């Protein structure tokens, strides 16, 4: 259609649901020029994430993706993992509020490591309410800001942080329920 050259699409808080995500995926499939896609707070869930993953995998020019607060869970994270691995130009990725769990985080890790330009990153591991964020604003290493007992999160962040002296600065903070 006529929207193939669209570069920014913001549908934040539109209650798309999984069915809306399926319909949107069909349209996004031809929009490979897209650089910014904001789909936060749309109740997309795992089914919607599966539907979107094919189209997202073709959007290699994407620099900003917001899929926060969509209750995707582990299965949604696993469905997105391969598509996100193709999006190497990403500078901002927001996946908070999806309760992806440990298995979902592990599935995403190889894709996240390919995003060498990533400067903003949000991820909700699940019921623990721990978020991991990357931003040049934060200078404290994860070990200084994590409470004792969050070893899995700390290991995950250390893997994302990369070698000593990396330009990426990662931190995690405890979110209040």
C-alpha atoms as a PDB file:
ATOM      1  CA  UNK A   1       0.000   0.000   0.000  1.00  0.00           C
ATOM      2  CA  UNK A   2       0.610   3.637   0.372  1.00  0.00           C
ATOM      3  CA  UNK A   3       2.356   3.462   3.734  1.00  0.00           C
ATOM      4  CA  UNK A   4       5.450   1.526   2.638  1.00  0.00           C
ATOM      5  CA  UNK A   5       7.697   4.572   3.220  1.00  0.00           C
ATOM      6  CA  UNK A   6       6.418   5.279   6.746  1.00  0.00           C
ATOM      7  CA  UNK A   7       9.312   5.629   9.203  1.00  0.00           C
ATOM      8  CA  UNK A   8       7.477   6.256  12.516  1.00  0.00           C
ATOM      9  CA  UNK A   9       4.343   4.569  13.817  1.00  0.00           C
ATOM     10  CA  UNK A  10       3.066   5.280  17.329  1.00  0.00           C
ATOM     11  CA  UNK A  11       0.108   3.170  18.457  1.00  0.00           C
ATOM     12  CA  UNK A  12       0.910   3.313  22.173  1.00  0.00           C
ATOM     13  CA  UNK A  13      -2.117   2.535  24.419  1.00  0.00           C
ATOM     14  CA  UNK A  14      -4.594   1.582  21.725  1.00  0.00           C
ATOM     15  CA  UNK A  15      -5.758  -1.748  23.164  1.00  0.00           C
ATOM     16  CA  UNK A  16      -4.854  -3.622  19.993  1.00  0.00           C
ATOM     17  CA  UNK A  17      -4.795  -7.020  21.658  1.00  0.00           C
ATOM     18  CA  UNK A  18      -3.451 -10.125  19.964  1.00  0.00           C
ATOM     19  CA  UNK A  19      -5.978  -9.841  17.100  1.00  0.00           C
ATOM     20  CA  UNK A  20      -4.899  -6.255  16.396  1.00  0.00           C
ATOM     21  CA  UNK A  21      -1.248  -7.326  16.447  1.00  0.00           C
ATOM     22  CA  UNK A  22      -2.020 -10.020  13.859  1.00  0.00           C
ATOM     23  CA  UNK A  23      -3.705  -7.442  11.594  1.00  0.00           C
ATOM     24  CA  UNK A  24      -0.883  -4.947  12.136  1.00  0.00           C
ATOM     25  CA  UNK A  25       1.760  -7.586  11.339  1.00  0.00           C
ATOM     26  CA  UNK A  26       0.261  -7.980   7.874  1.00  0.00           C
ATOM     27  CA  UNK A  27       0.640  -4.252   7.215  1.00  0.00           C
ATOM     28  CA  UNK A  28       4.101  -3.981   8.787  1.00  0.00           C
ATOM     29  CA  UNK A  29       5.343  -6.747   6.529  1.00  0.00           C
ATOM     30  CA  UNK A  30       5.782  -4.223   3.695  1.00  0.00           C
ATOM     31  CA  UNK A  31       7.114  -1.332   5.810  1.00  0.00           C
ATOM     32  CA  UNK A  32      10.818  -2.150   5.835  1.00  0.00           C
ATOM     33  CA  UNK A  33      11.735   1.581   6.017  1.00  0.00           C
ATOM     34  CA  UNK A  34      10.285   1.848   9.541  1.00  0.00           C
ATOM     35  CA  UNK A  35      12.768   3.230  12.087  1.00  0.00           C
ATOM     36  CA  UNK A  36      10.461   3.760  15.095  1.00  0.00           C
ATOM     37  CA  UNK A  37       7.601   1.559  16.244  1.00  0.00           C
ATOM     38  CA  UNK A  38       5.782   2.220  19.523  1.00  0.00           C
ATOM     39  CA  UNK A  39       3.311  -0.483  20.520  1.00  0.00           C
ATOM     40  CA  UNK A  40       3.530  -0.205  24.304  1.00  0.00           C
ATOM     41  CA  UNK A  41       0.488  -0.952  26.490  1.00  0.00           C
ATOM     42  CA  UNK A  42      -1.586  -2.730  23.857  1.00  0.00           C
ATOM     43  CA  UNK A  43      -2.325  -6.099  25.518  1.00  0.00           C
ATOM     44  CA  UNK A  44      -0.537  -7.850  22.656  1.00  0.00           C
ATOM     45  CA  UNK A  45       0.383 -10.971  24.714  1.00  0.00           C
ATOM     46  CA  UNK A  46       2.346 -13.990  23.420  1.00  0.00           C
ATOM     47  CA  UNK A  47       0.048 -14.579  20.434  1.00  0.00           C
ATOM     48  CA  UNK A  48       0.507 -11.026  19.215  1.00  0.00           C
ATOM     49  CA  UNK A  49       4.272 -11.247  19.727  1.00  0.00           C
ATOM     50  CA  UNK A  50       4.381 -14.378  17.563  1.00  0.00           C
ATOM     51  CA  UNK A  51       2.410 -12.590  14.840  1.00  0.00           C
ATOM     52  CA  UNK A  52       4.653  -9.509  14.934  1.00  0.00           C
ATOM     53  CA  UNK A  53       7.940 -11.418  14.943  1.00  0.00           C
ATOM     54  CA  UNK A  54       7.910 -12.191  11.197  1.00  0.00           C
ATOM     55  CA  UNK A  55       7.361  -8.568  10.181  1.00  0.00           C
ATOM     56  CA  UNK A  56       9.822  -7.228  12.754  1.00  0.00           C
ATOM     57  CA  UNK A  57      12.532  -9.520  11.422  1.00  0.00           C
ATOM     58  CA  UNK A  58      12.332  -7.670   8.078  1.00  0.00           C
ATOM     59  CA  UNK A  59      12.639  -4.229   9.691  1.00  0.00           C
ATOM     60  CA  UNK A  60      16.424  -4.080   9.778  1.00  0.00           C
ATOM     61  CA  UNK A  61      16.452  -0.238   9.712  1.00  0.00           C
ATOM     62  CA  UNK A  62      14.540  -0.104  13.012  1.00  0.00           C
ATOM     63  CA  UNK A  63      16.291   1.961  15.685  1.00  0.00           C
ATOM     64  CA  UNK A  64      13.529   2.299  18.299  1.00  0.00           C
ATOM     65  CA  UNK A  65      11.053  -0.383  19.364  1.00  0.00           C
ATOM     66  CA  UNK A  66       8.664  -0.137  22.302  1.00  0.00           C
ATOM     67  CA  UNK A  67       6.768  -3.314  23.159  1.00  0.00           C
ATOM     68  CA  UNK A  68       6.513  -2.522  26.877  1.00  0.00           C
ATOM     69  CA  UNK A  69       3.510  -3.448  29.029  1.00  0.00           C
ATOM     70  CA  UNK A  70       2.074  -6.079  26.694  1.00  0.00           C
ATOM     71  CA  UNK A  71       2.065  -9.156  28.954  1.00  0.00           C
ATOM     72  CA  UNK A  72       3.976 -11.255  26.416  1.00  0.00           C
ATOM     73  CA  UNK A  73       5.543 -13.606  28.949  1.00  0.00           C
ATOM     74  CA  UNK A  74       8.284 -16.131  28.218  1.00  0.00           C
ATOM     75  CA  UNK A  75       6.629 -17.418  25.048  1.00  0.00           C
ATOM     76  CA  UNK A  76       6.351 -13.924  23.577  1.00  0.00           C
ATOM     77  CA  UNK A  77      10.008 -13.210  24.327  1.00  0.00           C
ATOM     78  CA  UNK A  78      11.052 -16.468  22.698  1.00  0.00           C
ATOM     79  CA  UNK A  79       8.945 -15.639  19.618  1.00  0.00           C
ATOM     80  CA  UNK A  80      10.615 -12.216  19.292  1.00  0.00           C
ATOM     81  CA  UNK A  81      14.175 -13.395  19.893  1.00  0.00           C
ATOM     82  CA  UNK A  82      15.059 -14.302  16.295  1.00  0.00           C
ATOM     83  CA  UNK A  83      13.454 -11.162  14.830  1.00  0.00           C
ATOM     84  CA  UNK A  84      15.261  -8.914  17.304  1.00  0.00           C
ATOM     85  CA  UNK A  85      18.566 -10.524  16.331  1.00  0.00           C
ATOM     86  CA  UNK A  86      18.165  -9.081  12.824  1.00  0.00           C
ATOM     87  CA  UNK A  87      17.547  -5.564  14.167  1.00  0.00           C
ATOM     88  CA  UNK A  88      21.210  -4.683  14.757  1.00  0.00           C
ATOM     89  CA  UNK A  89      20.722  -0.911  14.340  1.00  0.00           C
ATOM     90  CA  UNK A  90      18.522  -0.697  17.434  1.00  0.00           C
ATOM     91  CA  UNK A  91      19.331   2.195  19.797  1.00  0.00           C
ATOM     92  CA  UNK A  92      16.260   1.914  22.049  1.00  0.00           C
ATOM     93  CA  UNK A  93      14.431  -1.273  23.034  1.00  0.00           C
ATOM     94  CA  UNK A  94      11.684  -1.266  25.657  1.00  0.00           C
ATOM     95  CA  UNK A  95      10.354  -4.623  26.794  1.00  0.00           C
ATOM     96  CA  UNK A  96       9.415  -3.752  30.394  1.00  0.00           C
ATOM     97  CA  UNK A  97       6.095  -4.956  31.783  1.00  0.00           C
ATOM     98  CA  UNK A  98       6.103  -8.253  29.913  1.00  0.00           C
ATOM     99  CA  UNK A  99       7.084 -10.700  32.674  1.00  0.00           C
ATOM    100  CA  UNK A 100       9.378 -12.600  30.313  1.00  0.00           C
ATOM    101  CA  UNK A 101      10.973 -14.700  33.058  1.00  0.00           C
ATOM    102  CA  UNK A 102      14.396 -16.270  33.083  1.00  0.00           C
ATOM    103  CA  UNK A 103      13.859 -18.462  29.991  1.00  0.00           C
ATOM    104  CA  UNK A 104      12.593 -15.502  27.988  1.00  0.00           C
ATOM    105  CA  UNK A 105      15.625 -13.429  29.023  1.00  0.00           C
ATOM    106  CA  UNK A 106      17.986 -16.235  28.051  1.00  0.00           C
ATOM    107  CA  UNK A 107      16.257 -16.538  24.651  1.00  0.00           C
ATOM    108  CA  UNK A 108      16.678 -12.779  24.055  1.00  0.00           C
ATOM    109  CA  UNK A 109      20.319 -12.568  25.121  1.00  0.00           C
ATOM    110  CA  UNK A 110      21.997 -13.538  21.785  1.00  0.00           C
ATOM    111  CA  UNK A 111      19.837 -10.988  19.940  1.00  0.00           C
ATOM    112  CA  UNK A 112      20.582  -8.234  22.441  1.00  0.00           C
ATOM    113  CA  UNK A 113      24.305  -8.834  22.160  1.00  0.00           C
ATOM    114  CA  UNK A 114      24.089  -8.132  18.402  1.00  0.00           C
ATOM    115  CA  UNK A 115      22.587  -4.679  19.079  1.00  0.00           C
ATOM    116  CA  UNK A 116      25.906  -2.860  19.448  1.00  0.00           C
ATOM    117  CA  UNK A 117      24.287   0.597  19.145  1.00  0.00           C
ATOM    118  CA  UNK A 118      21.750  -0.051  21.908  1.00  0.00           C
ATOM    119  CA  UNK A 119      21.774   2.818  24.412  1.00  0.00           C
ATOM    120  CA  UNK A 120      18.341   2.456  26.050  1.00  0.00           C
ATOM    121  CA  UNK A 121      17.039  -0.910  27.162  1.00  0.00           C
ATOM    122  CA  UNK A 122      14.242  -1.876  29.549  1.00  0.00           C
ATOM    123  CA  UNK A 123      13.299  -5.384  30.539  1.00  0.00           C
ATOM    124  CA  UNK A 124      10.988  -6.795  33.186  1.00  0.00           C
ATOM    125  CA  UNK A 125      12.005 -10.281  34.286  1.00  0.00           C
ATOM    126  CA  UNK A 126       8.639 -11.012  35.856  1.00  0.00           C
ATOM    127  CA  UNK A 127       7.124 -11.138  39.330  1.00  0.00           C
ATOM    128  CA  UNK A 128      10.406 -10.067  40.940  1.00  0.00           C
ATOM    129  CA  UNK A 129       9.827  -6.581  39.465  1.00  0.00           C
ATOM    130  CA  UNK A 130      13.502  -6.189  38.611  1.00  0.00           C
ATOM    131  CA  UNK A 131      14.134  -4.064  35.565  1.00  0.00           C
ATOM    132  CA  UNK A 132      17.384  -3.926  33.704  1.00  0.00           C
ATOM    133  CA  UNK A 133      18.155  -0.687  31.927  1.00  0.00           C
ATOM    134  CA  UNK A 134      21.005   0.602  29.837  1.00  0.00           C
ATOM    135  CA  UNK A 135      21.661   4.273  29.541  1.00  0.00           C
ATOM    136  CA  UNK A 136      24.706   6.480  29.286  1.00  0.00           C
ATOM    137  CA  UNK A 137      23.240   8.438  32.234  1.00  0.00           C
ATOM    138  CA  UNK A 138      24.042   5.635  34.678  1.00  0.00           C
ATOM    139  CA  UNK A 139      27.602   5.046  35.773  1.00  0.00           C
ATOM    140  CA  UNK A 140      27.216   2.565  38.630  1.00  0.00           C
ATOM    141  CA  UNK A 141      28.028  -1.061  37.841  1.00  0.00           C
ATOM    142  CA  UNK A 142      25.198  -3.557  38.406  1.00  0.00           C
ATOM    143  CA  UNK A 143      26.828  -4.925  41.554  1.00  0.00           C
ATOM    144  CA  UNK A 144      26.434  -1.557  43.298  1.00  0.00           C
ATOM    145  CA  UNK A 145      22.748  -1.108  42.577  1.00  0.00           C
ATOM    146  CA  UNK A 146      21.396  -4.638  42.856  1.00  0.00           C
ATOM    147  CA  UNK A 147      20.269  -5.968  46.188  1.00  0.00           C
ATOM    148  CA  UNK A 148      21.811  -9.217  47.347  1.00  0.00           C
ATOM    149  CA  UNK A 149      19.958 -12.248  45.991  1.00  0.00           C
ATOM    150  CA  UNK A 150      19.436 -11.084  42.409  1.00  0.00           C
ATOM    151  CA  UNK A 151      22.267 -13.228  41.065  1.00  0.00           C
ATOM    152  CA  UNK A 152      20.501 -14.337  37.880  1.00  0.00           C
ATOM    153  CA  UNK A 153      19.740 -10.741  36.953  1.00  0.00           C
ATOM    154  CA  UNK A 154      23.290  -9.686  37.720  1.00  0.00           C
ATOM    155  CA  UNK A 155      24.753 -12.458  35.554  1.00  0.00           C
ATOM    156  CA  UNK A 156      22.405 -11.455  32.725  1.00  0.00           C
ATOM    157  CA  UNK A 157      23.444  -7.815  32.991  1.00  0.00           C
ATOM    158  CA  UNK A 158      27.136  -8.674  33.117  1.00  0.00           C
ATOM    159  CA  UNK A 159      26.783 -10.647  29.893  1.00  0.00           C
ATOM    160  CA  UNK A 160      25.049  -7.677  28.288  1.00  0.00           C
ATOM    161  CA  UNK A 161      27.642  -5.268  29.614  1.00  0.00           C
ATOM    162  CA  UNK A 162      30.371  -6.928  27.600  1.00  0.00           C
ATOM    163  CA  UNK A 163      34.109  -6.609  28.146  1.00  0.00           C
ATOM    164  CA  UNK A 164      35.597  -4.267  30.730  1.00  0.00           C
ATOM    165  CA  UNK A 165      35.745  -0.717  29.460  1.00  0.00           C
ATOM    166  CA  UNK A 166      32.655  -1.157  27.303  1.00  0.00           C
ATOM    167  CA  UNK A 167      30.850   2.084  26.451  1.00  0.00           C
ATOM    168  CA  UNK A 168      27.547   0.596  27.560  1.00  0.00           C
ATOM    169  CA  UNK A 169      26.679   1.203  31.199  1.00  0.00           C
ATOM    170  CA  UNK A 170      24.057  -1.137  32.599  1.00  0.00           C
ATOM    171  CA  UNK A 171      22.153  -0.912  35.829  1.00  0.00           C
ATOM    172  CA  UNK A 172      19.197  -2.557  37.478  1.00  0.00           C
ATOM    173  CA  UNK A 173      16.840  -1.168  40.041  1.00  0.00           C
ATOM    174  CA  UNK A 174      14.184  -2.696  42.198  1.00  0.00           C
ATOM    175  CA  UNK A 175      10.756  -1.539  41.059  1.00  0.00           C
ATOM    176  CA  UNK A 176       8.136  -1.078  43.751  1.00  0.00           C
ATOM    177  CA  UNK A 177       5.012  -3.183  43.389  1.00  0.00           C
END
